[in-house]
N, C-alpha and C. Protein backbone atom coordinates (compact mmCIF):
# COMPACT_ATOMS: atom_id res chain seq x y z
N MET A 1 0.61 -1.52 -0.18
CA MET A 1 -0.20 -0.34 0.18
C MET A 1 0.81 1.19 0.21
N TYR A 2 1.92 1.44 0.93
CA TYR A 2 2.81 2.49 0.87
C TYR A 2 3.58 2.85 -0.19
N ALA A 3 3.77 1.24 -0.90
CA ALA A 3 4.48 1.25 -2.05
C ALA A 3 4.15 2.00 -3.21
N GLN A 4 2.56 1.26 -3.20
CA GLN A 4 1.86 2.16 -4.46
C GLN A 4 1.56 3.48 -4.35
N CYS A 5 1.45 4.14 -2.80
CA CYS A 5 1.48 5.65 -2.42
C CYS A 5 2.68 6.47 -3.19
N SER A 6 3.77 5.44 -2.55
CA SER A 6 5.10 6.07 -3.08
C SER A 6 5.24 6.47 -4.70
N GLU A 7 4.94 5.31 -5.37
CA GLU A 7 5.00 5.31 -6.97
C GLU A 7 4.43 6.31 -6.88
N GLN A 8 3.07 6.32 -6.66
CA GLN A 8 2.05 7.29 -7.38
C GLN A 8 2.68 8.78 -6.92
N TYR A 9 3.22 9.08 -5.77
CA TYR A 9 3.85 10.06 -5.62
C TYR A 9 5.19 10.70 -5.79
N TRP A 10 5.65 9.88 -6.81
CA TRP A 10 6.93 10.00 -7.32
C TRP A 10 6.85 10.18 -9.13
N LYS A 11 5.59 9.78 -9.58
CA LYS A 11 5.03 10.00 -11.07
C LYS A 11 4.47 11.21 -11.15
N GLU A 12 3.73 11.85 -9.71
CA GLU A 12 3.10 13.18 -10.27
C GLU A 12 4.03 14.05 -9.78
N ARG A 13 5.14 14.02 -8.83
CA ARG A 13 6.35 15.19 -8.59
C ARG A 13 6.79 15.17 -9.95
N LYS A 14 7.30 13.79 -11.12
CA LYS A 14 7.89 13.28 -11.83
C LYS A 14 7.44 14.54 -13.13
N LYS A 15 5.89 14.37 -13.05
CA LYS A 15 4.71 15.07 -13.98
C LYS A 15 4.92 16.65 -13.64
N THR A 16 4.90 17.13 -12.11
CA THR A 16 5.13 18.27 -12.13
C THR A 16 6.23 19.15 -12.80
N ASN A 17 7.44 18.22 -12.11
CA ASN A 17 9.08 18.74 -12.89
C ASN A 17 8.77 18.74 -13.81
N THR A 18 8.32 18.12 -14.85
CA THR A 18 8.39 17.83 -16.18
C THR A 18 7.82 19.23 -16.55
N LYS A 19 6.40 19.38 -16.13
CA LYS A 19 5.80 20.96 -16.76
C LYS A 19 6.67 22.00 -16.17
N ILE A 20 7.11 22.01 -15.17
CA ILE A 20 7.97 23.32 -14.93
C ILE A 20 9.08 23.32 -15.72
N ASN A 21 9.52 22.24 -16.04
CA ASN A 21 11.17 22.46 -16.73
C ASN A 21 10.78 22.94 -18.27
N ILE A 22 9.08 21.95 -19.01
CA ILE A 22 8.95 22.58 -20.08
C ILE A 22 8.85 24.07 -20.12
N ARG A 23 7.61 24.70 -18.80
CA ARG A 23 7.63 25.85 -19.09
C ARG A 23 8.92 26.67 -18.80
N THR A 24 9.87 26.32 -17.99
CA THR A 24 11.04 27.08 -17.70
C THR A 24 11.69 27.41 -19.12
N LEU A 25 12.07 25.82 -20.07
CA LEU A 25 12.49 26.19 -21.21
C LEU A 25 12.02 27.20 -22.24
N MET A 26 10.43 26.72 -22.06
CA MET A 26 9.31 27.47 -22.87
C MET A 26 9.80 29.11 -22.59
N THR A 27 9.81 29.56 -21.54
CA THR A 27 10.18 30.95 -20.91
C THR A 27 11.58 31.38 -21.43
N SER A 28 12.63 30.33 -20.79
CA SER A 28 14.15 31.02 -21.61
C SER A 28 14.41 30.97 -22.96
N ILE A 29 13.42 30.51 -24.05
CA ILE A 29 13.47 30.20 -25.36
C ILE A 29 12.61 31.76 -25.81
N LEU A 30 11.24 31.98 -25.15
CA LEU A 30 10.52 33.32 -25.68
C LEU A 30 11.50 34.14 -25.24
N LEU A 31 12.11 34.27 -23.93
CA LEU A 31 13.27 35.39 -23.41
C LEU A 31 14.17 35.52 -24.28
N PHE A 32 14.75 34.40 -24.90
CA PHE A 32 16.03 34.49 -25.68
C PHE A 32 15.81 35.29 -26.94
N MET A 33 14.38 34.54 -27.76
CA MET A 33 14.14 35.39 -28.69
C MET A 33 13.73 36.58 -29.00
N GLY A 34 13.00 37.13 -27.50
CA GLY A 34 12.73 38.41 -27.65
C GLY A 34 14.16 39.15 -27.13
N MET A 35 15.25 38.93 -26.50
CA MET A 35 16.45 39.57 -26.72
C MET A 35 17.22 39.78 -27.90
N TYR A 36 16.85 39.01 -28.69
CA TYR A 36 17.71 38.06 -30.13
C TYR A 36 17.03 39.14 -30.74
N GLY A 37 15.69 39.11 -30.58
CA GLY A 37 15.11 40.49 -31.37
C GLY A 37 15.39 41.81 -31.38
N ILE A 38 15.51 41.97 -30.32
CA ILE A 38 15.73 43.58 -29.85
C ILE A 38 17.05 44.00 -30.21
N ARG A 39 17.90 42.65 -30.12
CA ARG A 39 19.75 42.82 -30.98
C ARG A 39 19.82 43.18 -32.10
N ILE A 40 18.39 42.12 -33.03
CA ILE A 40 18.83 42.35 -34.29
C ILE A 40 18.51 43.78 -34.60
N ARG A 41 17.13 44.29 -33.96
CA ARG A 41 16.29 45.58 -34.45
C ARG A 41 17.50 46.65 -34.05
N ARG A 42 17.90 46.53 -32.75
CA ARG A 42 19.08 47.59 -32.60
C ARG A 42 20.02 47.62 -33.34
N ILE A 43 20.69 46.33 -33.80
CA ILE A 43 21.89 46.30 -35.33
C ILE A 43 21.50 46.76 -36.30
N ARG A 44 20.75 46.56 -36.94
CA ARG A 44 19.95 47.38 -37.74
C ARG A 44 19.36 48.43 -37.73
N GLN A 45 19.36 49.16 -36.73
CA GLN A 45 18.86 50.66 -36.38
C GLN A 45 20.33 51.70 -36.56
N ILE A 46 21.24 50.59 -35.86
CA ILE A 46 22.39 51.36 -35.51
C ILE A 46 23.50 51.58 -37.22
N LYS A 47 22.98 50.27 -37.80
CA LYS A 47 23.34 50.41 -39.69
C LYS A 47 22.95 51.34 -40.28
N ARG A 48 21.17 51.50 -39.80
CA ARG A 48 20.58 52.27 -40.72
C ARG A 48 21.22 54.13 -40.58
N ILE A 49 21.29 54.33 -39.06
CA ILE A 49 21.78 55.10 -38.55
C ILE A 49 23.08 55.60 -39.09
N GLN A 50 24.08 54.69 -39.52
CA GLN A 50 25.77 54.96 -39.92
C GLN A 50 25.28 54.80 -41.39
N ALA A 51 24.61 54.68 -42.22
CA ALA A 51 24.08 54.64 -43.60
C ALA A 51 23.41 56.25 -43.52
N GLU A 52 22.66 56.41 -43.08
CA GLU A 52 22.51 58.03 -43.05
C GLU A 52 23.54 59.11 -43.08
N GLU A 53 23.92 58.72 -41.80
CA GLU A 53 25.40 59.67 -41.54
C GLU A 53 26.56 59.35 -42.52
N GLU A 54 26.55 58.48 -43.51
CA GLU A 54 27.84 58.63 -44.37
C GLU A 54 27.06 59.06 -45.30
N GLU A 55 25.96 58.57 -45.75
CA GLU A 55 25.05 59.54 -46.88
C GLU A 55 25.64 61.43 -46.91
N ARG A 56 24.64 61.65 -45.69
CA ARG A 56 24.94 63.00 -45.46
C ARG A 56 26.21 63.55 -45.42
N ILE A 57 27.13 62.81 -44.97
CA ILE A 57 28.61 63.34 -45.18
C ILE A 57 29.19 63.22 -46.60
N GLN A 58 28.85 62.39 -47.26
CA GLN A 58 29.01 62.44 -48.53
C GLN A 58 28.51 63.45 -49.59
N TYR A 59 27.16 63.95 -48.98
CA TYR A 59 26.69 65.01 -49.68
C TYR A 59 27.53 66.03 -49.46
N ARG A 60 27.34 66.50 -48.06
CA ARG A 60 28.37 67.69 -47.96
C ARG A 60 29.88 67.54 -48.56
N LYS A 61 30.34 66.55 -48.64
CA LYS A 61 31.73 66.52 -49.42
C LYS A 61 31.46 67.28 -50.73
N ARG A 62 30.18 66.34 -51.39
CA ARG A 62 29.88 66.74 -52.81
C ARG A 62 29.93 68.24 -52.96
N GLN A 63 28.64 69.07 -51.71
CA GLN A 63 28.82 70.42 -51.65
C GLN A 63 29.62 71.10 -51.68
N LEU A 64 30.85 70.68 -51.10
CA LEU A 64 31.90 71.06 -50.89
C LEU A 64 32.66 71.14 -52.25
N GLU A 65 33.00 69.98 -52.61
CA GLU A 65 33.48 69.85 -53.91
C GLU A 65 33.21 70.70 -55.01
N THR A 66 31.71 71.05 -55.10
CA THR A 66 30.99 71.77 -56.14
C THR A 66 30.81 72.91 -56.10
N LEU A 67 31.21 73.51 -54.66
CA LEU A 67 30.93 74.75 -54.40
C LEU A 67 31.97 75.72 -54.99
N ILE A 68 31.28 76.69 -55.40
CA ILE A 68 32.43 77.83 -56.45
C ILE A 68 32.29 79.32 -55.83
N ARG A 69 33.39 80.12 -55.80
CA ARG A 69 33.50 81.34 -55.29
C ARG A 69 32.16 82.09 -56.22
N PRO A 70 31.15 82.83 -55.42
CA PRO A 70 30.35 83.61 -55.97
C PRO A 70 30.09 84.72 -57.19
N ASN A 71 29.61 84.81 -58.19
CA ASN A 71 30.21 86.00 -59.33
C ASN A 71 29.54 87.15 -58.25
N PRO A 72 30.03 88.25 -58.27
CA PRO A 72 30.07 89.44 -57.90
C PRO A 72 28.48 89.97 -58.52
N THR A 73 27.85 90.32 -57.51
CA THR A 73 26.09 90.93 -57.91
C THR A 73 26.06 92.67 -57.51
N GLU A 74 25.05 93.54 -57.83
CA GLU A 74 25.14 94.76 -57.44
C GLU A 74 25.34 94.97 -55.95
N ASP A 75 24.76 93.82 -55.63
CA ASP A 75 24.78 94.14 -53.45
C ASP A 75 26.30 94.53 -53.22
N HIS A 76 27.53 93.22 -53.91
CA HIS A 76 28.70 93.09 -54.12
C HIS A 76 29.36 94.50 -54.44
N TYR A 77 28.52 95.08 -55.48
CA TYR A 77 29.14 96.52 -55.90
C TYR A 77 29.24 97.37 -54.65
N ARG A 78 27.97 97.63 -54.27
CA ARG A 78 27.62 98.47 -53.20
C ARG A 78 28.37 98.20 -52.02
N THR A 79 28.55 97.32 -51.61
CA THR A 79 29.38 97.16 -50.65
C THR A 79 30.96 97.19 -50.60
N CYS A 80 31.40 97.52 -52.12
CA CYS A 80 32.89 97.30 -52.06
C CYS A 80 33.01 98.69 -52.14
N GLU A 81 32.08 99.26 -52.90
CA GLU A 81 32.14 100.88 -53.05
C GLU A 81 32.01 101.58 -51.93
N ILE A 82 31.02 101.39 -51.00
CA ILE A 82 31.28 101.56 -49.21
C ILE A 82 32.80 101.64 -48.97
N GLN A 83 33.03 100.41 -48.56
CA GLN A 83 34.60 99.99 -48.12
C GLN A 83 35.72 100.70 -48.92
N ILE A 84 35.68 101.23 -50.00
CA ILE A 84 36.74 101.94 -50.51
C ILE A 84 36.78 103.48 -50.20
N SER A 85 35.32 104.17 -50.22
CA SER A 85 35.32 105.25 -49.93
C SER A 85 35.99 105.32 -48.30
N HIS A 86 36.06 104.09 -47.29
CA HIS A 86 36.50 105.01 -46.17
C HIS A 86 38.30 105.08 -46.14
N SER A 87 38.67 104.01 -47.72
CA SER A 87 40.34 103.92 -47.25
C SER A 87 40.72 105.08 -48.85
N ILE A 88 39.97 105.02 -49.49
CA ILE A 88 40.64 105.82 -50.58
C ILE A 88 41.31 107.19 -50.74
N LYS A 89 40.24 108.05 -49.43
CA LYS A 89 40.85 109.27 -49.39
C LYS A 89 42.27 109.59 -48.96
N MET A 90 42.78 108.51 -48.02
CA MET A 90 43.96 108.52 -47.43
C MET A 90 45.15 108.06 -48.62
N GLU A 91 44.88 107.26 -49.75
CA GLU A 91 45.93 106.77 -50.72
C GLU A 91 46.49 108.00 -51.17
N CYS A 92 45.51 109.22 -51.54
CA CYS A 92 46.39 110.20 -52.25
C CYS A 92 47.24 110.90 -51.47
N ASN A 93 47.01 110.86 -49.88
CA ASN A 93 47.80 111.56 -48.91
C ASN A 93 49.15 110.75 -49.28
N ASN A 94 49.67 108.85 -48.93
CA ASN A 94 50.16 108.48 -48.86
C ASN A 94 51.08 108.93 -50.00
N LEU A 95 50.49 109.02 -51.45
CA LEU A 95 51.34 108.91 -52.46
C LEU A 95 52.16 110.21 -52.27
N CYS A 96 51.43 111.27 -52.12
CA CYS A 96 51.96 112.18 -52.44
C CYS A 96 52.70 112.74 -51.00
N THR A 97 53.11 111.98 -50.43
CA THR A 97 53.75 112.33 -48.60
C THR A 97 55.20 113.10 -49.11
N HIS A 98 56.03 112.40 -50.06
CA HIS A 98 56.85 112.65 -50.25
C HIS A 98 57.11 113.88 -51.36
N GLU A 99 56.03 114.52 -52.32
CA GLU A 99 56.18 115.77 -52.54
C GLU A 99 56.00 117.15 -51.78
N ARG A 100 55.72 116.83 -50.75
CA ARG A 100 55.81 118.31 -49.48
C ARG A 100 56.92 118.62 -49.75
N LYS A 101 58.06 118.04 -49.65
CA LYS A 101 59.35 118.84 -49.87
C LYS A 101 59.66 119.29 -50.97
N SER A 102 58.98 118.85 -52.09
CA SER A 102 59.43 119.25 -53.31
C SER A 102 59.17 120.71 -53.68
N ILE A 103 60.28 121.08 -54.77
CA ILE A 103 59.93 122.57 -54.60
C ILE A 103 59.53 122.88 -56.19
N PRO A 104 58.96 123.82 -56.17
CA PRO A 104 58.26 125.15 -55.25
C PRO A 104 56.93 124.29 -54.47
N ARG A 105 57.07 124.66 -53.25
CA ARG A 105 56.47 124.02 -52.49
C ARG A 105 55.19 125.13 -51.99
N PRO A 106 53.97 125.01 -51.96
CA PRO A 106 53.42 123.64 -51.50
C PRO A 106 53.09 123.31 -52.72
N VAL A 107 53.35 124.01 -53.92
CA VAL A 107 52.80 123.65 -55.70
C VAL A 107 52.58 122.57 -55.89
N MET A 108 53.79 121.89 -56.11
CA MET A 108 54.06 120.45 -56.26
C MET A 108 52.97 119.65 -55.47
N HIS A 109 53.27 119.93 -54.04
CA HIS A 109 52.12 118.82 -53.54
C HIS A 109 50.65 118.89 -53.66
N GLU A 110 50.16 120.27 -53.85
CA GLU A 110 48.78 120.73 -54.23
C GLU A 110 48.74 119.65 -55.70
N ALA A 111 49.62 119.97 -56.46
CA ALA A 111 49.13 119.31 -58.05
C ALA A 111 49.52 117.83 -58.11
N CYS A 112 50.22 117.18 -56.99
CA CYS A 112 50.41 115.93 -56.87
C CYS A 112 48.83 115.58 -56.36
N ILE A 113 48.52 116.14 -55.38
CA ILE A 113 46.93 115.41 -54.89
C ILE A 113 45.94 115.82 -55.69
N GLN A 114 46.02 116.84 -56.88
CA GLN A 114 45.15 117.34 -57.50
C GLN A 114 44.98 116.35 -58.75
N GLY A 115 45.96 115.65 -58.98
CA GLY A 115 46.20 115.15 -59.98
C GLY A 115 45.77 113.27 -59.50
N CYS A 116 45.81 113.34 -58.42
CA CYS A 116 45.72 111.67 -57.71
C CYS A 116 43.94 111.68 -57.43
N THR A 117 43.77 112.59 -56.71
CA THR A 117 42.15 112.79 -56.47
C THR A 117 41.31 112.80 -57.43
N SER A 118 42.00 113.49 -58.53
CA SER A 118 40.65 113.56 -59.77
C SER A 118 40.53 112.27 -60.52
N SER A 119 41.41 111.35 -59.89
CA SER A 119 41.36 109.69 -60.93
C SER A 119 41.09 108.91 -59.96
N ILE A 120 41.72 108.88 -58.97
CA ILE A 120 41.70 107.98 -57.94
C ILE A 120 39.92 107.18 -57.45
N THR A 121 39.18 108.13 -57.28
CA THR A 121 37.44 107.72 -56.78
C THR A 121 37.32 106.35 -57.97
N PRO A 122 36.95 106.97 -59.28
CA PRO A 122 36.43 106.70 -60.52
C PRO A 122 37.39 105.33 -61.17
N SER A 123 38.64 104.80 -60.64
CA SER A 123 39.41 104.13 -61.39
C SER A 123 38.96 102.83 -60.27
N ALA A 124 38.71 103.15 -58.55
CA ALA A 124 38.37 102.52 -57.37
C ALA A 124 37.10 101.57 -57.85
N ILE A 125 36.16 102.55 -58.18
CA ILE A 125 35.03 101.95 -58.58
C ILE A 125 34.87 101.06 -59.84
N SER A 126 35.54 101.75 -60.81
CA SER A 126 35.92 100.32 -61.71
C SER A 126 36.93 99.02 -61.30
N GLY A 127 37.48 99.04 -60.34
CA GLY A 127 38.17 98.01 -59.50
C GLY A 127 36.98 97.29 -59.37
N CYS A 128 36.23 98.01 -58.28
CA CYS A 128 35.19 97.17 -57.66
C CYS A 128 34.78 96.30 -58.70
N ARG A 129 34.31 96.68 -60.06
CA ARG A 129 33.56 95.96 -60.83
C ARG A 129 34.81 95.21 -61.90
N GLN A 130 35.50 95.08 -61.39
CA GLN A 130 36.54 94.03 -62.07
C GLN A 130 37.09 94.33 -63.21
N VAL A 131 37.00 95.96 -63.99
CA VAL A 131 37.32 96.29 -64.94
C VAL A 131 38.95 96.20 -65.13
N SER A 132 39.32 95.95 -66.38
CA SER A 132 40.92 95.78 -66.48
C SER A 132 41.74 96.85 -66.19
N GLU A 133 42.76 96.70 -66.05
CA GLU A 133 43.39 98.10 -66.32
C GLU A 133 43.83 98.66 -67.30
N GLU A 134 44.01 98.24 -68.55
CA GLU A 134 43.90 98.85 -69.62
C GLU A 134 42.58 99.69 -70.36
N ASP A 135 41.46 98.99 -69.71
CA ASP A 135 40.37 99.55 -70.12
C ASP A 135 39.68 100.90 -68.88
N VAL A 136 40.48 100.59 -67.81
CA VAL A 136 40.47 101.84 -66.73
C VAL A 136 41.25 103.54 -67.42
N TYR A 137 42.40 102.94 -67.89
CA TYR A 137 43.39 103.68 -68.49
C TYR A 137 42.93 104.23 -69.73
N ARG A 138 42.23 103.27 -70.83
CA ARG A 138 41.46 103.71 -71.66
C ARG A 138 40.08 104.70 -71.29
N LYS A 139 39.49 104.50 -70.40
CA LYS A 139 38.36 105.69 -70.05
C LYS A 139 38.71 106.71 -69.16
N TYR A 140 39.57 106.61 -68.67
CA TYR A 140 39.97 107.59 -67.53
C TYR A 140 41.22 108.51 -67.77
N GLY A 141 41.98 107.68 -68.71
CA GLY A 141 43.81 108.73 -68.78
C GLY A 141 43.54 109.63 -69.33
N ASN A 142 42.80 110.12 -70.73
CA ASN A 142 43.28 111.28 -71.29
C ASN A 142 42.68 112.44 -70.07
N GLN A 143 41.70 111.94 -69.65
CA GLN A 143 41.11 113.19 -68.16
C GLN A 143 42.55 113.67 -67.41
N GLY A 144 43.28 113.20 -67.40
CA GLY A 144 44.30 114.34 -66.92
C GLY A 144 44.66 115.59 -67.34
N TYR A 145 44.27 115.72 -68.67
CA TYR A 145 44.80 116.73 -69.50
C TYR A 145 43.97 118.26 -68.80
N ALA A 146 42.51 117.58 -68.76
CA ALA A 146 41.70 118.63 -67.78
C ALA A 146 41.30 118.42 -66.80
N GLN A 147 41.62 117.92 -65.99
CA GLN A 147 41.80 117.74 -64.64
C GLN A 147 43.29 118.51 -63.94
N CYS A 148 44.46 118.73 -64.90
CA CYS A 148 45.61 119.08 -64.51
C CYS A 148 46.06 120.42 -65.35
N SER A 149 44.89 120.91 -66.01
CA SER A 149 45.11 121.99 -66.95
C SER A 149 45.45 123.58 -66.29
N ARG A 150 44.58 123.50 -64.62
CA ARG A 150 45.25 124.69 -64.14
C ARG A 150 46.58 124.98 -63.58
N PHE A 151 47.39 123.73 -64.00
CA PHE A 151 48.95 124.01 -63.24
C PHE A 151 49.45 123.78 -64.81
N GLN A 152 49.23 124.39 -66.06
CA GLN A 152 49.59 124.10 -67.02
C GLN A 152 50.23 125.37 -67.32
N ASN A 153 50.36 126.62 -66.69
CA ASN A 153 51.36 127.76 -67.27
C ASN A 153 51.92 127.86 -65.39
N VAL A 154 51.63 127.25 -64.74
CA VAL A 154 52.26 127.24 -63.10
C VAL A 154 53.71 127.20 -63.53
N ASP A 155 54.57 128.17 -62.86
CA ASP A 155 56.08 127.88 -62.66
C ASP A 155 56.38 126.89 -61.68
N PRO A 156 57.52 126.20 -61.68
CA PRO A 156 58.69 125.84 -63.33
C PRO A 156 57.99 125.01 -64.10
N ARG A 157 57.67 125.72 -65.06
CA ARG A 157 56.85 124.88 -66.34
C ARG A 157 57.86 123.91 -66.85
N PRO A 158 57.52 122.60 -67.42
CA PRO A 158 56.24 122.00 -67.09
C PRO A 158 56.30 121.03 -66.13
N ASP A 159 57.11 121.01 -65.07
CA ASP A 159 57.62 120.26 -64.01
C ASP A 159 55.95 120.36 -63.10
N VAL A 160 55.30 121.20 -62.73
CA VAL A 160 54.12 121.40 -61.90
C VAL A 160 53.18 120.48 -62.72
N TYR A 161 52.76 120.98 -64.25
CA TYR A 161 52.18 120.33 -65.05
C TYR A 161 51.85 118.75 -64.76
N SER A 162 53.35 118.30 -65.47
CA SER A 162 53.59 116.93 -65.47
C SER A 162 53.91 116.10 -64.57
N THR A 163 53.78 116.71 -62.71
CA THR A 163 53.78 116.32 -61.75
C THR A 163 52.24 115.85 -61.53
N CYS A 164 51.31 116.78 -61.75
CA CYS A 164 49.84 116.79 -61.86
C CYS A 164 49.35 115.44 -62.94
N ARG A 165 49.92 115.30 -63.86
CA ARG A 165 49.48 114.59 -64.66
C ARG A 165 50.06 112.83 -64.43
N LYS A 166 51.53 112.86 -63.60
CA LYS A 166 51.74 111.82 -63.39
C LYS A 166 51.11 110.89 -62.20
N TYR A 167 50.73 112.16 -61.23
CA TYR A 167 49.83 111.46 -60.16
C TYR A 167 48.08 110.91 -60.68
N HIS A 168 48.01 111.88 -61.72
CA HIS A 168 46.55 111.20 -62.06
C HIS A 168 46.75 110.03 -62.82
N ARG A 169 48.01 109.27 -63.39
CA ARG A 169 48.37 108.00 -63.75
C ARG A 169 48.36 107.29 -62.54
N GLU A 170 49.13 107.78 -61.66
CA GLU A 170 49.47 106.75 -60.53
C GLU A 170 48.08 106.87 -59.80
N GLY A 171 47.18 107.76 -59.69
CA GLY A 171 45.80 107.58 -58.97
C GLY A 171 44.86 106.50 -59.75
N LEU A 172 45.25 106.39 -60.98
CA LEU A 172 44.75 105.50 -62.06
C LEU A 172 44.72 104.05 -61.33
N LYS A 173 46.14 103.90 -61.50
CA LYS A 173 46.78 102.74 -60.93
C LYS A 173 46.51 102.22 -59.68
N LYS A 174 46.51 103.28 -58.69
CA LYS A 174 46.47 102.91 -57.38
C LYS A 174 44.89 102.59 -57.28
N GLY A 175 43.97 102.95 -57.57
CA GLY A 175 42.37 103.24 -57.04
C GLY A 175 41.74 101.99 -57.92
N ARG A 176 42.20 101.47 -59.06
CA ARG A 176 41.72 100.40 -59.83
C ARG A 176 42.37 99.06 -58.84
N LEU A 177 43.46 99.28 -58.25
CA LEU A 177 44.30 97.87 -57.67
C LEU A 177 43.03 97.89 -56.38
N VAL A 178 43.09 99.13 -55.45
CA VAL A 178 42.52 99.04 -54.59
C VAL A 178 41.25 98.60 -54.37
N GLY A 179 39.79 98.99 -55.62
CA GLY A 179 38.77 98.70 -55.53
C GLY A 179 38.86 96.72 -55.90
N TYR A 180 39.89 96.72 -57.07
CA TYR A 180 40.12 94.98 -57.32
C TYR A 180 39.98 94.01 -56.01
N ILE A 181 41.13 94.28 -55.40
CA ILE A 181 41.52 93.76 -54.28
C ILE A 181 40.21 93.96 -53.08
N THR A 182 39.32 95.04 -52.83
CA THR A 182 38.84 95.00 -52.26
C THR A 182 37.15 94.04 -52.18
N MET A 183 37.38 94.20 -53.79
CA MET A 183 36.15 93.22 -54.34
C MET A 183 36.40 91.49 -54.05
N ASP A 184 37.75 91.51 -54.36
CA ASP A 184 38.42 89.91 -54.39
C ASP A 184 38.04 89.66 -53.02
N GLU A 185 38.40 90.49 -51.83
CA GLU A 185 38.07 90.15 -50.46
C GLU A 185 36.99 89.89 -50.26
N ILE A 186 36.06 90.45 -50.52
CA ILE A 186 34.58 90.36 -50.14
C ILE A 186 33.95 89.27 -50.50
N LEU A 187 34.64 88.79 -52.00
CA LEU A 187 34.03 87.45 -52.99
C LEU A 187 34.62 86.51 -52.15
N ASN A 188 35.68 86.21 -51.75
CA ASN A 188 36.72 85.32 -50.56
C ASN A 188 35.78 85.08 -49.70
N ASN A 189 35.60 86.33 -48.75
CA ASN A 189 35.27 85.99 -47.41
C ASN A 189 33.81 85.36 -47.56
N GLU A 190 32.87 85.69 -48.21
CA GLU A 190 31.52 84.69 -48.51
C GLU A 190 31.81 83.74 -49.18
N PHE A 191 32.79 83.19 -49.83
CA PHE A 191 32.60 82.20 -50.54
C PHE A 191 33.39 80.93 -49.03
N ASN A 192 34.17 81.29 -48.03
CA ASN A 192 34.96 81.22 -46.97
C ASN A 192 33.82 80.91 -46.20
N GLU A 193 32.90 81.81 -45.91
CA GLU A 193 31.83 81.56 -45.03
C GLU A 193 30.95 80.64 -45.29
N LEU A 194 30.27 80.10 -46.63
CA LEU A 194 29.65 79.35 -47.03
C LEU A 194 30.33 78.19 -46.70
N ARG A 195 31.83 78.18 -47.17
CA ARG A 195 32.58 76.70 -47.01
C ARG A 195 32.19 76.55 -45.29
N ARG A 196 32.50 77.08 -44.94
CA ARG A 196 32.54 77.06 -43.34
C ARG A 196 31.28 76.74 -42.22
N GLN A 197 29.96 77.43 -43.25
CA GLN A 197 28.69 76.90 -42.97
C GLN A 197 28.40 75.51 -43.42
N LEU A 198 28.82 74.97 -44.71
CA LEU A 198 28.74 73.61 -44.92
C LEU A 198 29.47 72.81 -43.90
N GLU A 199 30.67 72.90 -43.59
CA GLU A 199 31.59 71.98 -43.18
C GLU A 199 30.93 71.99 -41.25
N VAL A 200 30.11 73.17 -40.88
CA VAL A 200 29.52 73.07 -39.30
C VAL A 200 28.69 71.81 -39.52
N GLU A 201 28.23 72.24 -40.51
CA GLU A 201 26.52 71.45 -40.59
C GLU A 201 26.57 70.19 -41.34
N GLY A 202 27.99 70.01 -41.63
CA GLY A 202 28.69 68.45 -41.58
C GLY A 202 29.19 68.06 -40.78
N ASN A 203 29.74 68.37 -39.58
CA ASN A 203 30.04 67.95 -38.51
C ASN A 203 28.66 67.52 -37.57
């Protein structure tokens, strides 16, 4: 009797243990599959993010490679003309400094200033518009005769008059160079700013 009860007990215990083991195994399998699925999704998400990042980097690189310096516009011309107006007045003073000591004083210095100031502003504006040096001379070179006419009969002749004419030509050259360089700097600064923005956006 006791043997039968004992046997029955162990059979029931074995069934219970088998059920628990199967349940534990199924739970473990489901848990493993869930974690594996999460890991796979995470890997796919990371790969997708990396691919998007790589595509964004490549796109920025293509943008930088195809980026060209802007062509000047009317706004650029106006900016250039404003900038040169602040500095151009000092150029003639610098060019004519040594003429302060030339004889007759102060006539030689006055002739120098007259020649330079009569040509430097229009040639600087032309420089802003990237006009060639030859075209600037062609357009304004002969104006020196009229601009310097008041010194034509001033003694010692023709030194005073020729000084005025000389610095009219120097003003053309200097003004055009100042305008050209100023516009070049404006365009380069804008180009470099565009590059910087693209590089910042790409990081």
